[in-house]
Protein backbone atom coordinates (compact mmCIF):
# COMPACT_ATOMS: atom_id res chain seq x y z
CA UNK A 1 44.49 10.09 -15.34
CA UNK A 2 42.43 12.65 -17.27
CA UNK A 3 43.08 14.85 -20.29
CA UNK A 4 40.47 17.19 -21.75
CA UNK A 5 41.21 19.30 -24.83
CA UNK A 6 39.25 22.23 -26.30
CA UNK A 7 36.05 21.44 -24.38
CA UNK A 8 33.21 23.66 -25.60
CA UNK A 9 29.56 23.68 -24.53
CA UNK A 10 26.64 25.90 -25.45
CA UNK A 11 23.00 26.03 -24.43
CA UNK A 12 21.18 27.76 -27.26
CA UNK A 13 22.99 31.03 -27.93
CA UNK A 14 24.79 30.95 -24.57
CA UNK A 15 28.33 29.60 -24.83
CA UNK A 16 29.13 28.29 -21.35
CA UNK A 17 32.53 26.65 -22.02
CA UNK A 18 34.76 28.30 -24.62
CA UNK A 19 37.64 25.86 -25.06
CA UNK A 20 38.88 24.25 -21.85
CA UNK A 21 42.16 22.33 -21.66
CA UNK A 22 42.88 20.44 -18.44
CA UNK A 23 45.02 17.52 -17.31
CA UNK A 24 44.74 15.66 -14.00
CA UNK A 25 47.46 13.32 -12.75
CA UNK A 26 46.98 10.15 -10.72
CA UNK A 27 46.45 10.87 -6.99
CA UNK A 28 46.22 14.61 -7.65
CA UNK A 29 43.66 16.84 -5.90
CA UNK A 30 42.59 19.74 -8.13
CA UNK A 31 40.08 22.41 -7.15
CA UNK A 32 38.11 24.48 -9.65
CA UNK A 33 36.99 27.83 -8.28
CA UNK A 34 35.28 30.92 -9.67
CA UNK A 35 32.12 32.98 -9.41
CA UNK A 36 28.70 31.47 -9.95
CA UNK A 37 27.76 31.18 -13.61
CA UNK A 38 31.32 30.76 -14.93
CA UNK A 39 30.74 27.15 -16.06
CA UNK A 40 32.35 25.20 -13.18
CA UNK A 41 29.57 22.67 -12.67
CA UNK A 42 29.03 22.31 -16.43
CA UNK A 43 32.71 21.47 -16.82
CA UNK A 44 32.60 19.01 -13.91
CA UNK A 45 29.59 17.20 -15.39
CA UNK A 46 31.35 16.89 -18.76
CA UNK A 47 34.62 15.69 -17.21
CA UNK A 48 32.59 13.19 -15.16
CA UNK A 49 30.81 11.95 -18.33
CA UNK A 50 27.38 12.97 -17.00
CA UNK A 51 27.05 15.40 -19.92
CA UNK A 52 28.67 15.59 -23.37
CA UNK A 53 30.60 18.53 -24.79
CA UNK A 54 29.75 20.06 -28.16
CA UNK A 55 33.41 19.99 -29.18
CA UNK A 56 36.70 18.67 -27.82
CA UNK A 57 38.09 15.37 -26.60
CA UNK A 58 38.07 13.73 -23.19
CA UNK A 59 40.34 10.84 -22.22
CA UNK A 60 40.03 9.19 -18.79
CA UNK A 61 42.28 6.33 -17.67
CA UNK A 62 43.36 5.82 -21.28
CA UNK A 63 39.82 5.66 -22.71
CA UNK A 64 38.55 8.24 -25.20
CA UNK A 65 35.04 8.84 -23.93
CA UNK A 66 33.48 9.79 -27.29
CA UNK A 67 34.30 6.33 -28.67
CA UNK A 68 32.19 4.52 -26.05
CA UNK A 69 28.54 3.70 -26.77
CA UNK A 70 25.88 4.32 -24.13
CA UNK A 71 26.21 0.92 -22.45
CA UNK A 72 30.02 1.01 -22.51
CA UNK A 73 29.97 4.53 -21.05
CA UNK A 74 27.59 3.56 -18.24
CA UNK A 75 29.81 0.58 -17.36
CA UNK A 76 32.97 2.71 -17.51
CA UNK A 77 31.41 5.42 -15.32
CA UNK A 78 30.23 2.88 -12.76
CA UNK A 79 33.65 1.19 -12.54
CA UNK A 80 36.11 4.09 -12.93
CA UNK A 81 34.39 7.24 -11.66
CA UNK A 82 32.99 8.30 -8.29
CA UNK A 83 30.76 11.28 -7.53
CA UNK A 84 30.17 13.37 -4.41
CA UNK A 85 27.48 16.04 -4.61
CA UNK A 86 26.49 18.92 -2.34
CA UNK A 87 23.09 17.44 -1.48
CA UNK A 88 24.27 13.83 -1.06
CA UNK A 89 21.53 12.28 -3.28
CA UNK A 90 21.05 9.39 -0.86
CA UNK A 91 17.90 7.27 -1.28
CA UNK A 92 15.72 7.87 1.78
CA UNK A 93 14.08 4.44 1.75
CA UNK A 94 17.44 2.65 2.11
CA UNK A 95 19.85 2.39 5.04
CA UNK A 96 23.36 3.82 4.99
CA UNK A 97 24.73 0.36 4.19
CA UNK A 98 22.27 -0.17 1.34
CA UNK A 99 23.00 3.27 -0.15
CA UNK A 100 26.71 2.49 -0.22
CA UNK A 101 26.10 -0.88 -1.87
CA UNK A 102 24.04 0.44 -4.81
CA UNK A 103 26.91 1.12 -7.31
CA UNK A 104 28.36 -2.32 -6.49
CA UNK A 105 25.00 -4.00 -7.07
CA UNK A 106 24.74 -2.23 -10.43
CA UNK A 107 28.19 -3.63 -11.24
CA UNK A 108 26.87 -7.11 -10.31
CA UNK A 109 29.48 -7.66 -7.61
CA UNK A 110 29.21 -10.56 -5.19
CA UNK A 111 26.63 -9.47 -2.59
CA UNK A 112 28.33 -11.05 0.42
CA UNK A 113 31.67 -9.45 -0.48
CA UNK A 114 29.91 -6.16 -1.22
CA UNK A 115 28.25 -6.08 2.20
CA UNK A 116 31.62 -6.68 3.89
CA UNK A 117 33.35 -3.98 1.84
CA UNK A 118 30.53 -1.49 2.49
CA UNK A 119 30.72 -2.18 6.22
CA UNK A 120 34.50 -1.72 6.15
CA UNK A 121 34.23 1.59 4.27
CA UNK A 122 31.60 2.96 6.63
CA UNK A 123 33.74 1.90 9.60
CA UNK A 124 36.76 3.61 8.00
CA UNK A 125 34.65 6.77 7.74
CA UNK A 126 33.57 6.60 11.38
CA UNK A 127 30.06 5.27 10.73
CA UNK A 128 30.40 1.75 12.14
CA UNK A 129 27.37 2.29 14.38
CA UNK A 130 25.23 3.89 11.67
CA UNK A 131 24.95 1.01 9.18
CA UNK A 132 21.20 0.50 9.65
CA UNK A 133 20.27 4.17 9.91
CA UNK A 134 18.34 5.82 7.09
CA UNK A 135 19.40 9.25 5.78
CA UNK A 136 16.81 11.14 7.85
CA UNK A 137 18.35 9.59 10.97
CA UNK A 138 21.82 10.92 10.12
CA UNK A 139 23.38 14.37 10.50
CA UNK A 140 24.44 16.32 7.42
CA UNK A 141 28.06 15.36 7.95
CA UNK A 142 27.15 11.70 8.40
CA UNK A 143 25.06 11.75 5.21
CA UNK A 144 27.99 13.23 3.31
CA UNK A 145 30.32 10.50 4.60
CA UNK A 146 27.83 7.87 3.44
CA UNK A 147 27.93 9.57 0.03
CA UNK A 148 31.74 9.40 0.14
CA UNK A 149 31.61 5.67 0.93
CA UNK A 150 29.20 5.17 -1.98
CA UNK A 151 31.62 7.02 -4.27
CA UNK A 152 34.45 4.72 -3.16
CA UNK A 153 32.69 1.34 -3.26
CA UNK A 154 33.79 0.35 -6.79
CA UNK A 155 37.39 1.57 -6.31
CA UNK A 156 37.12 4.39 -8.87
CA UNK A 157 40.29 5.91 -10.26
CA UNK A 158 38.95 9.46 -10.19
CA UNK A 159 36.33 11.19 -8.04
CA UNK A 160 34.41 14.32 -9.00
CA UNK A 161 32.98 16.46 -6.21
CA UNK A 162 30.56 19.35 -6.76
CA UNK A 163 30.56 21.69 -3.74
CA UNK A 164 30.99 18.70 -1.38
CA UNK A 165 31.07 20.89 1.74
CA UNK A 166 28.63 23.53 0.52
CA UNK A 167 25.80 22.27 2.71
CA UNK A 168 27.87 21.64 5.86
CA UNK A 169 28.81 23.77 8.87
CA UNK A 170 32.40 24.98 9.27
CA UNK A 171 33.59 22.21 11.57
CA UNK A 172 32.06 19.44 9.46
CA UNK A 173 33.39 21.07 6.28
CA UNK A 174 36.92 21.04 7.69
CA UNK A 175 36.55 17.38 8.64
CA UNK A 176 35.43 16.53 5.08
CA UNK A 177 38.33 18.47 3.56
CA UNK A 178 40.88 16.54 5.63
CA UNK A 179 39.06 13.31 4.78
CA UNK A 180 39.52 13.95 1.05
CA UNK A 181 43.28 14.18 1.48
CA UNK A 182 43.32 11.13 3.73
CA UNK A 183 41.45 9.21 1.01
CA UNK A 184 43.97 10.36 -1.58
CA UNK A 185 46.79 9.17 0.64
CA UNK A 186 45.17 5.80 1.46
CA UNK A 187 43.61 4.92 -1.91
CA UNK A 188 45.67 6.95 -4.45
CA UNK A 189 42.62 8.37 -6.20
CA UNK A 190 42.47 11.62 -8.14
CA UNK A 191 39.95 14.28 -7.06
CA UNK A 192 38.46 17.11 -9.11
CA UNK A 193 36.51 19.44 -6.84
CA UNK A 194 34.30 22.39 -7.72
CA UNK A 195 34.18 24.59 -4.66
CA UNK A 196 33.60 28.10 -3.33
CA UNK A 197 35.58 27.19 -0.22
CA UNK A 198 38.92 29.02 -0.30
CA UNK A 199 40.44 26.84 2.43
CA UNK A 200 39.79 23.67 0.43
CA UNK A 201 41.20 25.34 -2.69
CA UNK A 202 44.37 26.29 -0.80
CA UNK A 203 44.80 22.71 0.47
CA UNK A 204 44.59 21.28 -3.06
CA UNK A 205 47.63 20.40 -5.17
CA UNK A 206 46.38 22.86 -7.76
CA UNK A 207 43.59 25.42 -7.89
CA UNK A 208 42.16 26.42 -11.28
CA UNK A 209 40.10 29.60 -11.61
CA UNK A 210 37.26 29.72 -14.14
CA UNK A 211 36.17 33.01 -15.59
CA UNK A 212 33.76 33.56 -18.47
CA UNK A 213 33.90 29.95 -19.63
CA UNK A 214 37.68 29.65 -19.60
CA UNK A 215 40.37 28.65 -17.13
CA UNK A 216 42.27 31.85 -16.38
CA UNK A 217 44.76 30.96 -13.67
CA UNK A 218 46.72 27.87 -12.55
């Protein structure tokens, strides 16, 4: 599903990534752990095509990312990749249903079909009665599940999550962790998760430890 080779990234004189090699299989859940400042989020943003590396190659679903122009990359990201972030990044002026629909609208999908699929996803995630609620009317866990539905709406092949349970209480975090594995089982998507949560790391198929800009342990 994903193969990254010799990924390097610097900001000025600071070399954040020093030559990362990583492969992710279809329907695999991989956690990336490590202390703050080791380059985890930088790596996740590069693997998710939100940022570009200085060196190295990245292939996702058979596409070499460096060979795509800006428009091709935006289309590829919208269709093939999903994102779940710690702070949800929901748009406060829109309802839960509308937030979920946004990536599908960008992809110019049929609106009637998109509404039905968004409703089905939110129902699957236990939010059937929250469709018309805006983010400030939802709990933290409910907001995160809306963000999960938004990540799933275009049937991405791989989902990147940056501290997805970092802003949730213990019970809600555990619910989200089990949900990730249920999604993998039901939809066969790959997950790459940056986390400080040891329980989530232990549940993953593999846990990679970053240290000083390199992956030290597998």
